[in-house]
Amino acid sequence: MEKLLRDFISHEDRQYNFKLGQLIASALTGFLAGLVSASIVWMLALYYINSFVLS
């Protein structure tokens, strides 16, 4: 389970007073990176569909 968490949560050098704060900050960073990546993929898919499939 520990290895699975390390795959989805980035390690940050910044120290927090609470362990939960560090976990939330790391998870939020990973979530935002995933959101940006997924948005790029969807934009490319929509561009492809509009340009090549529907024309």
PDB file of N, CA and C in Angstrom:
ATOM      1  N   MET A   1       0.823  -1.194   0.000  1.00  0.00           N
ATOM      2  CA  MET A   1       0.000   0.000   0.000  1.00  0.00           C
ATOM      3  C   MET A   1       0.868   1.260   0.000  1.00  0.00           C
ATOM      4  N   GLU A   2       1.981   1.196   0.709  1.00  0.00           N
ATOM      5  CA  GLU A   2       2.885   2.353   0.769  1.00  0.00           C
ATOM      6  C   GLU A   2       3.443   2.689  -0.612  1.00  0.00           C
ATOM      7  N   LYS A   3       3.798   1.656  -1.383  1.00  0.00           N
ATOM      8  CA  LYS A   3       4.325   1.880  -2.734  1.00  0.00           C
ATOM      9  C   LYS A   3       3.255   2.474  -3.640  1.00  0.00           C
ATOM     10  N   LEU A   4       2.021   2.040  -3.479  1.00  0.00           N
ATOM     11  CA  LEU A   4       0.921   2.573  -4.271  1.00  0.00           C
ATOM     12  C   LEU A   4       0.706   4.050  -3.963  1.00  0.00           C
ATOM     13  N   LEU A   5       0.781   4.446  -2.717  1.00  0.00           N
ATOM     14  CA  LEU A   5       0.636   5.851  -2.350  1.00  0.00           C
ATOM     15  C   LEU A   5       1.764   6.692  -2.936  1.00  0.00           C
ATOM     16  N   ARG A   6       2.989   6.160  -2.945  1.00  0.00           N
ATOM     17  CA  ARG A   6       4.112   6.906  -3.510  1.00  0.00           C
ATOM     18  C   ARG A   6       3.969   7.114  -5.008  1.00  0.00           C
ATOM     19  N   ASP A   7       3.255   6.247  -5.696  1.00  0.00           N
ATOM     20  CA  ASP A   7       3.046   6.409  -7.133  1.00  0.00           C
ATOM     21  C   ASP A   7       2.136   7.583  -7.443  1.00  0.00           C
ATOM     22  N   PHE A   8       1.185   7.866  -6.584  1.00  0.00           N
ATOM     23  CA  PHE A   8       0.187   8.894  -6.860  1.00  0.00           C
ATOM     24  C   PHE A   8       0.421  10.195  -6.104  1.00  0.00           C
ATOM     25  N   ILE A   9       1.266  10.190  -5.110  1.00  0.00           N
ATOM     26  CA  ILE A   9       1.502  11.383  -4.303  1.00  0.00           C
ATOM     27  C   ILE A   9       2.971  11.749  -4.409  1.00  0.00           C
ATOM     28  N   SER A  10       3.236  12.978  -4.830  1.00  0.00           N
ATOM     29  CA  SER A  10       4.623  13.405  -4.979  1.00  0.00           C
ATOM     30  C   SER A  10       5.230  13.733  -3.614  1.00  0.00           C
ATOM     31  N   HIS A  11       6.533  13.579  -3.520  1.00  0.00           N
ATOM     32  CA  HIS A  11       7.247  13.897  -2.283  1.00  0.00           C
ATOM     33  C   HIS A  11       7.702  15.349  -2.334  1.00  0.00           C
ATOM     34  N   GLU A  12       7.388  16.100  -1.296  1.00  0.00           N
ATOM     35  CA  GLU A  12       7.807  17.490  -1.227  1.00  0.00           C
ATOM     36  C   GLU A  12       8.764  17.667  -0.056  1.00  0.00           C
ATOM     37  N   ASP A  13       9.750  18.541  -0.251  1.00  0.00           N
ATOM     38  CA  ASP A  13      10.744  18.778   0.792  1.00  0.00           C
ATOM     39  C   ASP A  13      10.239  19.706   1.886  1.00  0.00           C
ATOM     40  N   ARG A  14       9.205  20.467   1.597  1.00  0.00           N
ATOM     41  CA  ARG A  14       8.676  21.401   2.577  1.00  0.00           C
ATOM     42  C   ARG A  14       8.075  20.645   3.756  1.00  0.00           C
ATOM     43  N   GLN A  15       8.352  21.127   4.954  1.00  0.00           N
ATOM     44  CA  GLN A  15       7.846  20.486   6.157  1.00  0.00           C
ATOM     45  C   GLN A  15       6.580  21.195   6.641  1.00  0.00           C
ATOM     46  N   TYR A  16       5.617  20.427   7.049  1.00  0.00           N
ATOM     47  CA  TYR A  16       4.366  20.953   7.580  1.00  0.00           C
ATOM     48  C   TYR A  16       4.239  20.561   9.040  1.00  0.00           C
ATOM     49  N   ASN A  17       3.433  21.324   9.768  1.00  0.00           N
ATOM     50  CA  ASN A  17       3.227  21.015  11.177  1.00  0.00           C
ATOM     51  C   ASN A  17       2.445  19.718  11.346  1.00  0.00           C
ATOM     52  N   PHE A  18       1.573  19.443  10.403  1.00  0.00           N
ATOM     53  CA  PHE A  18       0.743  18.252  10.497  1.00  0.00           C
ATOM     54  C   PHE A  18       1.016  17.343   9.305  1.00  0.00           C
ATOM     55  N   LYS A  19       1.078  16.058   9.536  1.00  0.00           N
ATOM     56  CA  LYS A  19       1.311  15.093   8.469  1.00  0.00           C
ATOM     57  C   LYS A  19       0.183  15.151   7.438  1.00  0.00           C
ATOM     58  N   LEU A  20      -1.040  15.392   7.901  1.00  0.00           N
ATOM     59  CA  LEU A  20      -2.178  15.477   6.991  1.00  0.00           C
ATOM     60  C   LEU A  20      -2.027  16.661   6.040  1.00  0.00           C
ATOM     61  N   GLY A  21      -1.482  17.760   6.502  1.00  0.00           N
ATOM     62  CA  GLY A  21      -1.250  18.918   5.628  1.00  0.00           C
ATOM     63  C   GLY A  21      -0.293  18.597   4.501  1.00  0.00           C
ATOM     64  N   GLN A  22       0.754  17.843   4.795  1.00  0.00           N
ATOM     65  CA  GLN A  22       1.715  17.446   3.767  1.00  0.00           C
ATOM     66  C   GLN A  22       1.060  16.491   2.781  1.00  0.00           C
ATOM     67  N   LEU A  23       0.254  15.574   3.272  1.00  0.00           N
ATOM     68  CA  LEU A  23      -0.433  14.621   2.402  1.00  0.00           C
ATOM     69  C   LEU A  23      -1.410  15.332   1.477  1.00  0.00           C
ATOM     70  N   ILE A  24      -2.145  16.293   1.999  1.00  0.00           N
ATOM     71  CA  ILE A  24      -3.108  17.035   1.176  1.00  0.00           C
ATOM     72  C   ILE A  24      -2.388  17.880   0.132  1.00  0.00           C
ATOM     73  N   ALA A  25      -1.302  18.535   0.512  1.00  0.00           N
ATOM     74  CA  ALA A  25      -0.550  19.359  -0.435  1.00  0.00           C
ATOM     75  C   ALA A  25       0.035  18.503  -1.556  1.00  0.00           C
ATOM     76  N   SER A  26       0.558  17.345  -1.225  1.00  0.00           N
ATOM     77  CA  SER A  26       1.120  16.461  -2.240  1.00  0.00           C
ATOM     78  C   SER A  26       0.036  15.913  -3.155  1.00  0.00           C
ATOM     79  N   ALA A  27      -1.085  15.528  -2.579  1.00  0.00           N
ATOM     80  CA  ALA A  27      -2.184  14.998  -3.376  1.00  0.00           C
ATOM     81  C   ALA A  27      -2.759  16.082  -4.290  1.00  0.00           C
ATOM     82  N   LEU A  28      -2.835  17.297  -3.803  1.00  0.00           N
ATOM     83  CA  LEU A  28      -3.358  18.397  -4.617  1.00  0.00           C
ATOM     84  C   LEU A  28      -2.440  18.673  -5.801  1.00  0.00           C
ATOM     85  N   THR A  29      -1.151  18.602  -5.586  1.00  0.00           N
ATOM     86  CA  THR A  29      -0.189  18.786  -6.674  1.00  0.00           C
ATOM     87  C   THR A  29      -0.371  17.715  -7.750  1.00  0.00           C
ATOM     88  N   GLY A  30      -0.516  16.474  -7.328  1.00  0.00           N
ATOM     89  CA  GLY A  30      -0.737  15.388  -8.273  1.00  0.00           C
ATOM     90  C   GLY A  30      -2.062  15.521  -9.002  1.00  0.00           C
ATOM     91  N   PHE A  31      -3.090  15.955  -8.288  1.00  0.00           N
ATOM     92  CA  PHE A  31      -4.398  16.146  -8.903  1.00  0.00           C
ATOM     93  C   PHE A  31      -4.345  17.221  -9.974  1.00  0.00           C
ATOM     94  N   LEU A  32      -3.694  18.333  -9.675  1.00  0.00           N
ATOM     95  CA  LEU A  32      -3.602  19.417 -10.655  1.00  0.00           C
ATOM     96  C   LEU A  32      -2.792  19.005 -11.879  1.00  0.00           C
ATOM     97  N   ALA A  33      -1.727  18.254 -11.683  1.00  0.00           N
ATOM     98  CA  ALA A  33      -0.942  17.773 -12.817  1.00  0.00           C
ATOM     99  C   ALA A  33      -1.777  16.827 -13.682  1.00  0.00           C
ATOM    100  N   GLY A  34      -2.538  15.965 -13.058  1.00  0.00           N
ATOM    101  CA  GLY A  34      -3.421  15.066 -13.796  1.00  0.00           C
ATOM    102  C   GLY A  34      -4.518  15.803 -14.527  1.00  0.00           C
ATOM    103  N   LEU A  35      -5.055  16.834 -13.900  1.00  0.00           N
ATOM    104  CA  LEU A  35      -6.106  17.634 -14.524  1.00  0.00           C
ATOM    105  C   LEU A  35      -5.591  18.345 -15.773  1.00  0.00           C
ATOM    106  N   VAL A  36      -4.404  18.902 -15.690  1.00  0.00           N
ATOM    107  CA  VAL A  36      -3.808  19.577 -16.848  1.00  0.00           C
ATOM    108  C   VAL A  36      -3.534  18.569 -17.962  1.00  0.00           C
ATOM    109  N   SER A  37      -2.980  17.419 -17.614  1.00  0.00           N
ATOM    110  CA  SER A  37      -2.679  16.392 -18.612  1.00  0.00           C
ATOM    111  C   SER A  37      -3.956  15.888 -19.282  1.00  0.00           C
ATOM    112  N   ALA A  38      -4.975  15.618 -18.503  1.00  0.00           N
ATOM    113  CA  ALA A  38      -6.242  15.134 -19.063  1.00  0.00           C
ATOM    114  C   ALA A  38      -6.888  16.198 -19.944  1.00  0.00           C
ATOM    115  N   SER A  39      -6.784  17.456 -19.556  1.00  0.00           N
ATOM    116  CA  SER A  39      -7.355  18.533 -20.370  1.00  0.00           C
ATOM    117  C   SER A  39      -6.670  18.621 -21.730  1.00  0.00           C
ATOM    118  N   ILE A  40      -5.361  18.464 -21.742  1.00  0.00           N
ATOM    119  CA  ILE A  40      -4.624  18.497 -23.006  1.00  0.00           C
ATOM    120  C   ILE A  40      -5.045  17.334 -23.895  1.00  0.00           C
ATOM    121  N   VAL A  41      -5.182  16.157 -23.314  1.00  0.00           N
ATOM    122  CA  VAL A  41      -5.594  14.983 -24.091  1.00  0.00           C
ATOM    123  C   VAL A  41      -6.988  15.196 -24.668  1.00  0.00           C
ATOM    124  N   TRP A  42      -7.932  15.706 -23.875  1.00  0.00           N
ATOM    125  CA  TRP A  42      -9.297  15.927 -24.367  1.00  0.00           C
ATOM    126  C   TRP A  42      -9.341  17.011 -25.433  1.00  0.00           C
ATOM    127  N   MET A  43      -8.548  18.056 -25.275  1.00  0.00           N
ATOM    128  CA  MET A  43      -8.508  19.110 -26.289  1.00  0.00           C
ATOM    129  C   MET A  43      -7.980  18.554 -27.614  1.00  0.00           C
ATOM    130  N   LEU A  44      -6.948  17.737 -27.567  1.00  0.00           N
ATOM    131  CA  LEU A  44      -6.414  17.124 -28.777  1.00  0.00           C
ATOM    132  C   LEU A  44      -7.427  16.170 -29.415  1.00  0.00           C
ATOM    133  N   ALA A  45      -8.143  15.415 -28.575  1.00  0.00           N
ATOM    134  CA  ALA A  45      -9.158  14.498 -29.102  1.00  0.00           C
ATOM    135  C   ALA A  45     -10.288  15.274 -29.781  1.00  0.00           C
ATOM    136  N   LEU A  46     -10.749  16.333 -29.170  1.00  0.00           N
ATOM    137  CA  LEU A  46     -11.813  17.138 -29.772  1.00  0.00           C
ATOM    138  C   LEU A  46     -11.337  17.817 -31.056  1.00  0.00           C
ATOM    139  N   TYR A  47     -10.113  18.274 -31.069  1.00  0.00           N
ATOM    140  CA  TYR A  47      -9.555  18.879 -32.280  1.00  0.00           C
ATOM    141  C   TYR A  47      -9.502  17.846 -33.410  1.00  0.00           C
ATOM    142  N   TYR A  48      -9.049  16.644 -33.092  1.00  0.00           N
ATOM    143  CA  TYR A  48      -8.972  15.576 -34.093  1.00  0.00           C
ATOM    144  C   TYR A  48     -10.358  15.234 -34.633  1.00  0.00           C
ATOM    145  N   ILE A  49     -11.326  15.111 -33.738  1.00  0.00           N
ATOM    146  CA  ILE A  49     -12.689  14.769 -34.166  1.00  0.00           C
ATOM    147  C   ILE A  49     -13.262  15.869 -35.043  1.00  0.00           C
ATOM    148  N   ASN A  50     -13.102  17.105 -34.652  1.00  0.00           N
ATOM    149  CA  ASN A  50     -13.652  18.224 -35.425  1.00  0.00           C
ATOM    150  C   ASN A  50     -12.933  18.397 -36.759  1.00  0.00           C
ATOM    151  N   SER A  51     -11.649  18.164 -36.786  1.00  0.00           N
ATOM    152  CA  SER A  51     -10.872  18.419 -38.010  1.00  0.00           C
ATOM    153  C   SER A  51     -10.952  17.290 -39.030  1.00  0.00           C
ATOM    154  N   PHE A  52     -10.902  16.058 -38.562  1.00  0.00           N
ATOM    155  CA  PHE A  52     -10.752  14.949 -39.484  1.00  0.00           C
ATOM    156  C   PHE A  52     -11.997  14.071 -39.600  1.00  0.00           C
ATOM    157  N   VAL A  53     -12.699  13.853 -38.543  1.00  0.00           N
ATOM    158  CA  VAL A  53     -13.844  12.944 -38.577  1.00  0.00           C
ATOM    159  C   VAL A  53     -15.099  13.647 -39.091  1.00  0.00           C
ATOM    160  N   LEU A  54     -15.364  14.841 -38.624  1.00  0.00           N
ATOM    161  CA  LEU A  54     -16.600  15.547 -38.990  1.00  0.00           C
ATOM    162  C   LEU A  54     -16.503  16.343 -40.267  1.00  0.00           C
ATOM    163  N   SER A  55     -15.308  16.507 -40.810  1.00  0.00           N
ATOM    164  CA  SER A  55     -15.187  17.332 -42.026  1.00  0.00           C
ATOM    165  C   SER A  55     -15.281  16.542 -43.298  1.00  0.00           C
TER     166      SER A  55
END
